[in-house]
Amino acid sequence: MRFFVTAADSQELVEVLKAEGVPYQMGKGGSIRELGTGSYEIYTVDAYLPEIKISHTDQRLDADSRAFQLPSGRLIITDLEGNLEQIISPPAGK
C-alpha cells in the first residue's frame, strides 16, 4: 500500500514500521499549497500490508476509512486515497 503522509506523520509511520519489522520505501510525493498557511511537503511510504475489513460501527473510524494490519495486530487507518489518518490498536476481543 502507498501511504501519503506529512513530514511529522512520516516519522511516526516509519518508526512503527521499523518496530514491527515491516520493509518499506519512502519517497517525496510533492508539495501541497494552502491559501493563507503556505505549503508543506507530502511524502509517500510504500509498505506491503494486508488490507482488512473493518467494522464501521467502530466510533474511532469514518465510514470511508481503510485499515491495513501490522504484524502486531495494530491497524494503520487511511482515507480512501491512502492519506494517513491514525494508527490504532484493534478493538478488544479481536
PDB file of N, CA and C in Angstrom:
ATOM      1  N   MET A   1       0.849  -1.174   0.000  1.00  0.00           N
ATOM      2  CA  MET A   1       0.000   0.000   0.000  1.00  0.00           C
ATOM      3  C   MET A   1       0.888   1.228   0.000  1.00  0.00           C
ATOM      4  N   ARG A   2       0.448   2.251  -0.688  1.00  0.00           N
ATOM      5  CA  ARG A   2       1.146   3.538  -0.671  1.00  0.00           C
ATOM      6  C   ARG A   2       0.381   4.475   0.254  1.00  0.00           C
ATOM      7  N   PHE A   3       1.087   4.959   1.270  1.00  0.00           N
ATOM      8  CA  PHE A   3       0.520   5.908   2.214  1.00  0.00           C
ATOM      9  C   PHE A   3       1.042   7.296   1.884  1.00  0.00           C
ATOM     10  N   PHE A   4       0.197   8.294   2.007  1.00  0.00           N
ATOM     11  CA  PHE A   4       0.579   9.688   1.799  1.00  0.00           C
ATOM     12  C   PHE A   4       0.575  10.372   3.160  1.00  0.00           C
ATOM     13  N   VAL A   5       1.722  10.958   3.527  1.00  0.00           N
ATOM     14  CA  VAL A   5       1.875  11.493   4.875  1.00  0.00           C
ATOM     15  C   VAL A   5       2.616  12.825   4.864  1.00  0.00           C
ATOM     16  N   THR A   6       2.390  13.620   5.902  1.00  0.00           N
ATOM     17  CA  THR A   6       3.169  14.839   6.113  1.00  0.00           C
ATOM     18  C   THR A   6       4.514  14.434   6.721  1.00  0.00           C
ATOM     19  N   ALA A   7       5.419  15.386   6.857  1.00  0.00           N
ATOM     20  CA  ALA A   7       6.734  15.089   7.433  1.00  0.00           C
ATOM     21  C   ALA A   7       6.600  14.518   8.846  1.00  0.00           C
ATOM     22  N   ALA A   8       5.763  15.134   9.672  1.00  0.00           N
ATOM     23  CA  ALA A   8       5.586  14.656  11.050  1.00  0.00           C
ATOM     24  C   ALA A   8       4.985  13.258  11.073  1.00  0.00           C
ATOM     25  N   ASP A   9       3.955  13.028  10.248  1.00  0.00           N
ATOM     26  CA  ASP A   9       3.326  11.711  10.200  1.00  0.00           C
ATOM     27  C   ASP A   9       4.269  10.658   9.631  1.00  0.00           C
ATOM     28  N   SER A  10       5.149  11.062   8.710  1.00  0.00           N
ATOM     29  CA  SER A  10       6.076  10.086   8.128  1.00  0.00           C
ATOM     30  C   SER A  10       7.015   9.550   9.198  1.00  0.00           C
ATOM     31  N   GLN A  11       7.447  10.396  10.123  1.00  0.00           N
ATOM     32  CA  GLN A  11       8.319   9.936  11.205  1.00  0.00           C
ATOM     33  C   GLN A  11       7.612   8.899  12.067  1.00  0.00           C
ATOM     34  N   GLU A  12       6.368   9.175  12.427  1.00  0.00           N
ATOM     35  CA  GLU A  12       5.602   8.231  13.246  1.00  0.00           C
ATOM     36  C   GLU A  12       5.396   6.915  12.505  1.00  0.00           C
ATOM     37  N   LEU A  13       4.989   6.994  11.240  1.00  0.00           N
ATOM     38  CA  LEU A  13       4.721   5.790  10.469  1.00  0.00           C
ATOM     39  C   LEU A  13       5.985   4.962  10.285  1.00  0.00           C
ATOM     40  N   VAL A  14       7.091   5.599   9.952  1.00  0.00           N
ATOM     41  CA  VAL A  14       8.352   4.881   9.755  1.00  0.00           C
ATOM     42  C   VAL A  14       8.801   4.221  11.061  1.00  0.00           C
ATOM     43  N   GLU A  15       8.652   4.900  12.184  1.00  0.00           N
ATOM     44  CA  GLU A  15       9.005   4.303  13.476  1.00  0.00           C
ATOM     45  C   GLU A  15       8.184   3.052  13.741  1.00  0.00           C
ATOM     46  N   VAL A  16       6.885   3.111  13.456  1.00  0.00           N
ATOM     47  CA  VAL A  16       6.009   1.959  13.668  1.00  0.00           C
ATOM     48  C   VAL A  16       6.403   0.818  12.734  1.00  0.00           C
ATOM     49  N   LEU A  17       6.633   1.121  11.459  1.00  0.00           N
ATOM     50  CA  LEU A  17       7.009   0.075  10.506  1.00  0.00           C
ATOM     51  C   LEU A  17       8.331  -0.580  10.904  1.00  0.00           C
ATOM     52  N   LYS A  18       9.309   0.212  11.318  1.00  0.00           N
ATOM     53  CA  LYS A  18      10.597  -0.346  11.767  1.00  0.00           C
ATOM     54  C   LYS A  18      10.405  -1.238  12.985  1.00  0.00           C
ATOM     55  N   ALA A  19       9.645  -0.765  13.967  1.00  0.00           N
ATOM     56  CA  ALA A  19       9.415  -1.535  15.190  1.00  0.00           C
ATOM     57  C   ALA A  19       8.711  -2.854  14.901  1.00  0.00           C
ATOM     58  N   GLU A  20       7.863  -2.861  13.869  1.00  0.00           N
ATOM     59  CA  GLU A  20       7.109  -4.062  13.506  1.00  0.00           C
ATOM     60  C   GLU A  20       7.889  -4.957  12.540  1.00  0.00           C
ATOM     61  N   GLY A  21       9.039  -4.480  12.059  1.00  0.00           N
ATOM     62  CA  GLY A  21       9.840  -5.267  11.120  1.00  0.00           C
ATOM     63  C   GLY A  21       9.267  -5.312   9.716  1.00  0.00           C
ATOM     64  N   VAL A  22       8.507  -4.301   9.337  1.00  0.00           N
ATOM     65  CA  VAL A  22       7.877  -4.247   8.014  1.00  0.00           C
ATOM     66  C   VAL A  22       8.785  -3.470   7.058  1.00  0.00           C
ATOM     67  N   PRO A  23       9.216  -4.094   5.941  1.00  0.00           N
ATOM     68  CA  PRO A  23      10.023  -3.355   4.965  1.00  0.00           C
ATOM     69  C   PRO A  23       9.184  -2.242   4.321  1.00  0.00           C
ATOM     70  N   TYR A  24       9.839  -1.143   4.005  1.00  0.00           N
ATOM     71  CA  TYR A  24       9.130  -0.007   3.408  1.00  0.00           C
ATOM     72  C   TYR A  24      10.090   0.777   2.538  1.00  0.00           C
ATOM     73  N   GLN A  25       9.528   1.612   1.679  1.00  0.00           N
ATOM     74  CA  GLN A  25      10.296   2.568   0.892  1.00  0.00           C
ATOM     75  C   GLN A  25       9.619   3.914   1.044  1.00  0.00           C
ATOM     76  N   MET A  26      10.437   4.953   1.200  1.00  0.00           N
ATOM     77  CA  MET A  26       9.890   6.295   1.379  1.00  0.00           C
ATOM     78  C   MET A  26      10.355   7.187   0.246  1.00  0.00           C
ATOM     79  N   GLY A  27       9.461   8.024  -0.239  1.00  0.00           N
ATOM     80  CA  GLY A  27       9.792   8.961  -1.304  1.00  0.00           C
ATOM     81  C   GLY A  27       9.082  10.281  -1.088  1.00  0.00           C
ATOM     82  N   LYS A  28       9.470  11.264  -1.879  1.00  0.00           N
ATOM     83  CA  LYS A  28       8.837  12.580  -1.793  1.00  0.00           C
ATOM     84  C   LYS A  28       7.663  12.613  -2.760  1.00  0.00           C
ATOM     85  N   GLY A  29       6.501  12.980  -2.251  1.00  0.00           N
ATOM     86  CA  GLY A  29       5.300  12.981  -3.063  1.00  0.00           C
ATOM     87  C   GLY A  29       4.957  14.321  -3.672  1.00  0.00           C
ATOM     88  N   GLY A  30       5.581  15.392  -3.201  1.00  0.00           N
ATOM     89  CA  GLY A  30       5.283  16.719  -3.725  1.00  0.00           C
ATOM     90  C   GLY A  30       4.947  17.684  -2.616  1.00  0.00           C
ATOM     91  N   SER A  31       4.436  18.829  -3.011  1.00  0.00           N
ATOM     92  CA  SER A  31       4.071  19.877  -2.057  1.00  0.00           C
ATOM     93  C   SER A  31       2.590  20.180  -2.178  1.00  0.00           C
ATOM     94  N   ILE A  32       2.001  20.530  -1.061  1.00  0.00           N
ATOM     95  CA  ILE A  32       0.607  20.968  -1.019  1.00  0.00           C
ATOM     96  C   ILE A  32       0.623  22.434  -0.617  1.00  0.00           C
ATOM     97  N   ARG A  33      -0.044  23.257  -1.387  1.00  0.00           N
ATOM     98  CA  ARG A  33      -0.117  24.685  -1.073  1.00  0.00           C
ATOM     99  C   ARG A  33      -1.528  24.983  -0.575  1.00  0.00           C
ATOM    100  N   GLU A  34      -1.602  25.613   0.597  1.00  0.00           N
ATOM    101  CA  GLU A  34      -2.885  26.005   1.171  1.00  0.00           C
ATOM    102  C   GLU A  34      -2.934  27.517   1.299  1.00  0.00           C
ATOM    103  N   LEU A  35      -4.050  28.077   0.922  1.00  0.00           N
ATOM    104  CA  LEU A  35      -4.239  29.519   0.970  1.00  0.00           C
ATOM    105  C   LEU A  35      -4.096  30.027   2.404  1.00  0.00           C
ATOM    106  N   GLY A  36      -3.226  30.984   2.591  1.00  0.00           N
ATOM    107  CA  GLY A  36      -3.065  31.607   3.894  1.00  0.00           C
ATOM    108  C   GLY A  36      -2.144  30.893   4.861  1.00  0.00           C
ATOM    109  N   THR A  37      -1.787  29.648   4.589  1.00  0.00           N
ATOM    110  CA  THR A  37      -0.922  28.919   5.524  1.00  0.00           C
ATOM    111  C   THR A  37       0.387  28.493   4.892  1.00  0.00           C
ATOM    112  N   GLY A  38       0.589  28.761   3.622  1.00  0.00           N
ATOM    113  CA  GLY A  38       1.831  28.367   2.950  1.00  0.00           C
ATOM    114  C   GLY A  38       1.714  26.993   2.326  1.00  0.00           C
ATOM    115  N   SER A  39       2.835  26.302   2.273  1.00  0.00           N
ATOM    116  CA  SER A  39       2.830  24.971   1.679  1.00  0.00           C
ATOM    117  C   SER A  39       3.567  24.001   2.592  1.00  0.00           C
ATOM    118  N   TYR A  40       3.334  22.724   2.375  1.00  0.00           N
ATOM    119  CA  TYR A  40       4.033  21.698   3.138  1.00  0.00           C
ATOM    120  C   TYR A  40       4.283  20.498   2.239  1.00  0.00           C
ATOM    121  N   GLU A  41       5.293  19.734   2.608  1.00  0.00           N
ATOM    122  CA  GLU A  41       5.708  18.580   1.817  1.00  0.00           C
ATOM    123  C   GLU A  41       4.848  17.365   2.145  1.00  0.00           C
ATOM    124  N   ILE A  42       4.584  16.581   1.119  1.00  0.00           N
ATOM    125  CA  ILE A  42       3.906  15.300   1.275  1.00  0.00           C
ATOM    126  C   ILE A  42       4.898  14.214   0.880  1.00  0.00           C
ATOM    127  N   TYR A  43       4.942  13.157   1.662  1.00  0.00           N
ATOM    128  CA  TYR A  43       5.829  12.028   1.395  1.00  0.00           C
ATOM    129  C   TYR A  43       4.997  10.788   1.131  1.00  0.00           C
ATOM    130  N   THR A  44       5.573   9.862   0.369  1.00  0.00           N
ATOM    131  CA  THR A  44       4.932   8.574   0.152  1.00  0.00           C
ATOM    132  C   THR A  44       5.716   7.524   0.921  1.00  0.00           C
ATOM    133  N   VAL A  45       5.000   6.598   1.513  1.00  0.00           N
ATOM    134  CA  VAL A  45       5.616   5.460   2.188  1.00  0.00           C
ATOM    135  C   VAL A  45       4.940   4.219   1.624  1.00  0.00           C
ATOM    136  N   ASP A  46       5.733   3.386   0.955  1.00  0.00           N
ATOM    137  CA  ASP A  46       5.223   2.146   0.377  1.00  0.00           C
ATOM    138  C   ASP A  46       5.577   0.990   1.298  1.00  0.00           C
ATOM    139  N   ALA A  47       4.581   0.213   1.687  1.00  0.00           N
ATOM    140  CA  ALA A  47       4.792  -0.953   2.544  1.00  0.00           C
ATOM    141  C   ALA A  47       3.755  -2.004   2.171  1.00  0.00           C
ATOM    142  N   TYR A  48       4.192  -3.253   2.156  1.00  0.00           N
ATOM    143  CA  TYR A  48       3.256  -4.328   1.853  1.00  0.00           C
ATOM    144  C   TYR A  48       2.571  -4.744   3.148  1.00  0.00           C
ATOM    145  N   LEU A  49       1.310  -4.369   3.267  1.00  0.00           N
ATOM    146  CA  LEU A  49       0.498  -4.730   4.422  1.00  0.00           C
ATOM    147  C   LEU A  49      -0.871  -5.170   3.930  1.00  0.00           C
ATOM    148  N   PRO A  50      -1.447  -6.192   4.547  1.00  0.00           N
ATOM    149  CA  PRO A  50      -2.776  -6.627   4.117  1.00  0.00           C
ATOM    150  C   PRO A  50      -3.860  -5.635   4.537  1.00  0.00           C
ATOM    151  N   GLU A  51      -4.757  -5.363   3.590  1.00  0.00           N
ATOM    152  CA  GLU A  51      -5.930  -4.546   3.926  1.00  0.00           C
ATOM    153  C   GLU A  51      -6.963  -5.474   4.535  1.00  0.00           C
ATOM    154  N   ILE A  52      -7.579  -5.030   5.607  1.00  0.00           N
ATOM    155  CA  ILE A  52      -8.585  -5.861   6.258  1.00  0.00           C
ATOM    156  C   ILE A  52      -9.916  -5.125   6.288  1.00  0.00           C
ATOM    157  N   LYS A  53     -10.973  -5.910   6.388  1.00  0.00           N
ATOM    158  CA  LYS A  53     -12.301  -5.315   6.534  1.00  0.00           C
ATOM    159  C   LYS A  53     -12.444  -4.825   7.963  1.00  0.00           C
ATOM    160  N   ILE A  54     -13.064  -3.681   8.095  1.00  0.00           N
ATOM    161  CA  ILE A  54     -13.256  -3.106   9.424  1.00  0.00           C
ATOM    162  C   ILE A  54     -14.734  -2.885   9.681  1.00  0.00           C
ATOM    163  N   SER A  55     -15.083  -2.911  10.944  1.00  0.00           N
ATOM    164  CA  SER A  55     -16.460  -2.648  11.340  1.00  0.00           C
ATOM    165  C   SER A  55     -16.684  -1.144  11.349  1.00  0.00           C
ATOM    166  N   HIS A  56     -17.620  -0.703  10.574  1.00  0.00           N
ATOM    167  CA  HIS A  56     -17.894   0.734  10.538  1.00  0.00           C
ATOM    168  C   HIS A  56     -18.764   1.171  11.711  1.00  0.00           C
ATOM    169  N   THR A  57     -19.004   0.242  12.640  1.00  0.00           N
ATOM    170  CA  THR A  57     -19.664   0.633  13.883  1.00  0.00           C
ATOM    171  C   THR A  57     -18.637   1.108  14.903  1.00  0.00           C
ATOM    172  N   ASP A  58     -17.349   0.892  14.605  1.00  0.00           N
ATOM    173  CA  ASP A  58     -16.273   1.385  15.474  1.00  0.00           C
ATOM    174  C   ASP A  58     -16.277   2.907  15.400  1.00  0.00           C
ATOM    175  N   GLN A  59     -16.540   3.566  16.499  1.00  0.00           N
ATOM    176  CA  GLN A  59     -16.695   5.019  16.510  1.00  0.00           C
ATOM    177  C   GLN A  59     -15.391   5.763  16.263  1.00  0.00           C
ATOM    178  N   ARG A  60     -14.265   5.064  16.296  1.00  0.00           N
ATOM    179  CA  ARG A  60     -12.977   5.712  16.019  1.00  0.00           C
ATOM    180  C   ARG A  60     -12.756   5.912  14.528  1.00  0.00           C
ATOM    181  N   LEU A  61     -13.594   5.283  13.691  1.00  0.00           N
ATOM    182  CA  LEU A  61     -13.358   5.267  12.252  1.00  0.00           C
ATOM    183  C   LEU A  61     -14.462   5.969  11.482  1.00  0.00           C
ATOM    184  N   ASP A  62     -14.075   6.612  10.378  1.00  0.00           N
ATOM    185  CA  ASP A  62     -15.044   7.196   9.464  1.00  0.00           C
ATOM    186  C   ASP A  62     -15.619   6.091   8.588  1.00  0.00           C
ATOM    187  N   ALA A  63     -16.756   6.360   7.979  1.00  0.00           N
ATOM    188  CA  ALA A  63     -17.399   5.366   7.122  1.00  0.00           C
ATOM    189  C   ALA A  63     -16.552   5.017   5.908  1.00  0.00           C
ATOM    190  N   ASP A  64     -15.695   5.932   5.460  1.00  0.00           N
ATOM    191  CA  ASP A  64     -14.886   5.667   4.273  1.00  0.00           C
ATOM    192  C   ASP A  64     -13.430   5.327   4.609  1.00  0.00           C
ATOM    193  N   SER A  65     -13.180   4.867   5.826  1.00  0.00           N
ATOM    194  CA  SER A  65     -11.820   4.515   6.239  1.00  0.00           C
ATOM    195  C   SER A  65     -11.401   3.160   5.679  1.00  0.00           C
ATOM    196  N   ARG A  66     -10.092   3.031   5.482  1.00  0.00           N
ATOM    197  CA  ARG A  66      -9.494   1.748   5.109  1.00  0.00           C
ATOM    198  C   ARG A  66      -8.524   1.369   6.220  1.00  0.00           C
ATOM    199  N   ALA A  67      -8.323   0.062   6.439  1.00  0.00           N
ATOM    200  CA  ALA A  67      -7.433  -0.399   7.506  1.00  0.00           C
ATOM    201  C   ALA A  67      -6.423  -1.391   6.953  1.00  0.00           C
ATOM    202  N   PHE A  68      -5.174  -1.229   7.390  1.00  0.00           N
ATOM    203  CA  PHE A  68      -4.081  -2.111   6.999  1.00  0.00           C
ATOM    204  C   PHE A  68      -3.467  -2.655   8.274  1.00  0.00           C
ATOM    205  N   GLN A  69      -3.325  -3.989   8.327  1.00  0.00           N
ATOM    206  CA  GLN A  69      -2.917  -4.634   9.572  1.00  0.00           C
ATOM    207  C   GLN A  69      -1.407  -4.825   9.659  1.00  0.00           C
ATOM    208  N   LEU A  70      -0.863  -4.404  10.786  1.00  0.00           N
ATOM    209  CA  LEU A  70       0.541  -4.617  11.103  1.00  0.00           C
ATOM    210  C   LEU A  70       0.701  -6.004  11.721  1.00  0.00           C
ATOM    211  N   PRO A  71       1.906  -6.568  11.728  1.00  0.00           N
ATOM    212  CA  PRO A  71       2.104  -7.901  12.308  1.00  0.00           C
ATOM    213  C   PRO A  71       1.622  -8.029  13.756  1.00  0.00           C
ATOM    214  N   SER A  72       1.685  -6.959  14.533  1.00  0.00           N
ATOM    215  CA  SER A  72       1.246  -6.998  15.933  1.00  0.00           C
ATOM    216  C   SER A  72      -0.269  -6.985  16.076  1.00  0.00           C
ATOM    217  N   GLY A  73      -0.978  -6.703  14.995  1.00  0.00           N
ATOM    218  CA  GLY A  73      -2.429  -6.578  15.055  1.00  0.00           C
ATOM    219  C   GLY A  73      -2.904  -5.136  15.057  1.00  0.00           C
ATOM    220  N   ARG A  74      -1.982  -4.194  15.314  1.00  0.00           N
ATOM    221  CA  ARG A  74      -2.352  -2.780  15.241  1.00  0.00           C
ATOM    222  C   ARG A  74      -2.775  -2.453  13.818  1.00  0.00           C
ATOM    223  N   LEU A  75      -3.550  -1.378  13.676  1.00  0.00           N
ATOM    224  CA  LEU A  75      -4.097  -1.005  12.377  1.00  0.00           C
ATOM    225  C   LEU A  75      -3.631   0.382  11.961  1.00  0.00           C
ATOM    226  N   ILE A  76      -3.260   0.500  10.688  1.00  0.00           N
ATOM    227  CA  ILE A  76      -2.995   1.803  10.085  1.00  0.00           C
ATOM    228  C   ILE A  76      -4.270   2.185   9.357  1.00  0.00           C
ATOM    229  N   ILE A  77      -4.855   3.299   9.735  1.00  0.00           N
ATOM    230  CA  ILE A  77      -6.120   3.748   9.166  1.00  0.00           C
ATOM    231  C   ILE A  77      -5.843   4.890   8.195  1.00  0.00           C
ATOM    232  N   THR A  78      -6.413   4.773   6.989  1.00  0.00           N
ATOM    233  CA  THR A  78      -6.279   5.819   5.975  1.00  0.00           C
ATOM    234  C   THR A  78      -7.658   6.191   5.454  1.00  0.00           C
ATOM    235  N   ASP A  79      -7.704   7.280   4.691  1.00  0.00           N
ATOM    236  CA  ASP A  79      -8.923   7.578   3.949  1.00  0.00           C
ATOM    237  C   ASP A  79      -8.874   6.759   2.659  1.00  0.00           C
ATOM    238  N   LEU A  80      -9.840   6.947   1.787  1.00  0.00           N
ATOM    239  CA  LEU A  80      -9.900   6.144   0.562  1.00  0.00           C
ATOM    240  C   LEU A  80      -8.707   6.352  -0.357  1.00  0.00           C
ATOM    241  N   GLU A  81      -8.073   7.526  -0.297  1.00  0.00           N
ATOM    242  CA  GLU A  81      -6.940   7.829  -1.174  1.00  0.00           C
ATOM    243  C   GLU A  81      -5.602   7.397  -0.592  1.00  0.00           C
ATOM    244  N   GLY A  82      -5.578   6.903   0.638  1.00  0.00           N
ATOM    245  CA  GLY A  82      -4.330   6.468   1.248  1.00  0.00           C
ATOM    246  C   GLY A  82      -3.673   7.494   2.147  1.00  0.00           C
ATOM    247  N   ASN A  83      -4.373   8.593   2.448  1.00  0.00           N
ATOM    248  CA  ASN A  83      -3.838   9.598   3.369  1.00  0.00           C
ATOM    249  C   ASN A  83      -3.952   9.074   4.799  1.00  0.00           C
ATOM    250  N   LEU A  84      -2.834   9.057   5.515  1.00  0.00           N
ATOM    251  CA  LEU A  84      -2.807   8.524   6.872  1.00  0.00           C
ATOM    252  C   LEU A  84      -3.745   9.310   7.778  1.00  0.00           C
ATOM    253  N   GLU A  85      -4.584   8.581   8.505  1.00  0.00           N
ATOM    254  CA  GLU A  85      -5.467   9.208   9.487  1.00  0.00           C
ATOM    255  C   GLU A  85      -5.001   8.914  10.906  1.00  0.00           C
ATOM    256  N   GLN A  86      -4.740   7.630  11.202  1.00  0.00           N
ATOM    257  CA  GLN A  86      -4.316   7.272  12.551  1.00  0.00           C
ATOM    258  C   GLN A  86      -3.759   5.857  12.574  1.00  0.00           C
ATOM    259  N   ILE A  87      -3.052   5.544  13.655  1.00  0.00           N
ATOM    260  CA  ILE A  87      -2.567   4.193  13.911  1.00  0.00           C
ATOM    261  C   ILE A  87      -3.189   3.789  15.238  1.00  0.00           C
ATOM    262  N   ILE A  88      -3.946   2.681  15.227  1.00  0.00           N
ATOM    263  CA  ILE A  88      -4.713   2.304  16.418  1.00  0.00           C
ATOM    264  C   ILE A  88      -4.512   0.830  16.752  1.00  0.00           C
ATOM    265  N   SER A  89      -4.867   0.488  17.974  1.00  0.00           N
ATOM    266  CA  SER A  89      -4.927  -0.909  18.381  1.00  0.00           C
ATOM    267  C   SER A  89      -6.305  -1.426  18.005  1.00  0.00           C
ATOM    268  N   PRO A  90      -6.404  -2.710  17.662  1.00  0.00           N
ATOM    269  CA  PRO A  90      -7.720  -3.235  17.301  1.00  0.00           C
ATOM    270  C   PRO A  90      -8.654  -3.224  18.509  1.00  0.00           C
ATOM    271  N   PRO A  91      -9.963  -3.237  18.251  1.00  0.00           N
ATOM    272  CA  PRO A  91     -10.915  -3.273  19.360  1.00  0.00           C
ATOM    273  C   PRO A  91     -10.682  -4.508  20.230  1.00  0.00           C
ATOM    274  N   ALA A  92     -10.976  -4.409  21.502  1.00  0.00           N
ATOM    275  CA  ALA A  92     -10.806  -5.535  22.422  1.00  0.00           C
ATOM    276  C   ALA A  92     -11.600  -6.739  21.935  1.00  0.00           C
ATOM    277  N   GLY A  93     -11.014  -7.910  22.080  1.00  0.00           N
ATOM    278  CA  GLY A  93     -11.692  -9.135  21.666  1.00  0.00           C
ATOM    279  C   GLY A  93     -11.486  -9.496  20.222  1.00  0.00           C
ATOM    280  N   LYS A  94     -10.648  -8.760  19.499  1.00  0.00           N
ATOM    281  CA  LYS A  94     -10.404  -9.054  18.080  1.00  0.00           C
ATOM    282  C   LYS A  94      -9.105  -9.785  17.924  1.00  0.00           C
TER     283      LYS A  94
END
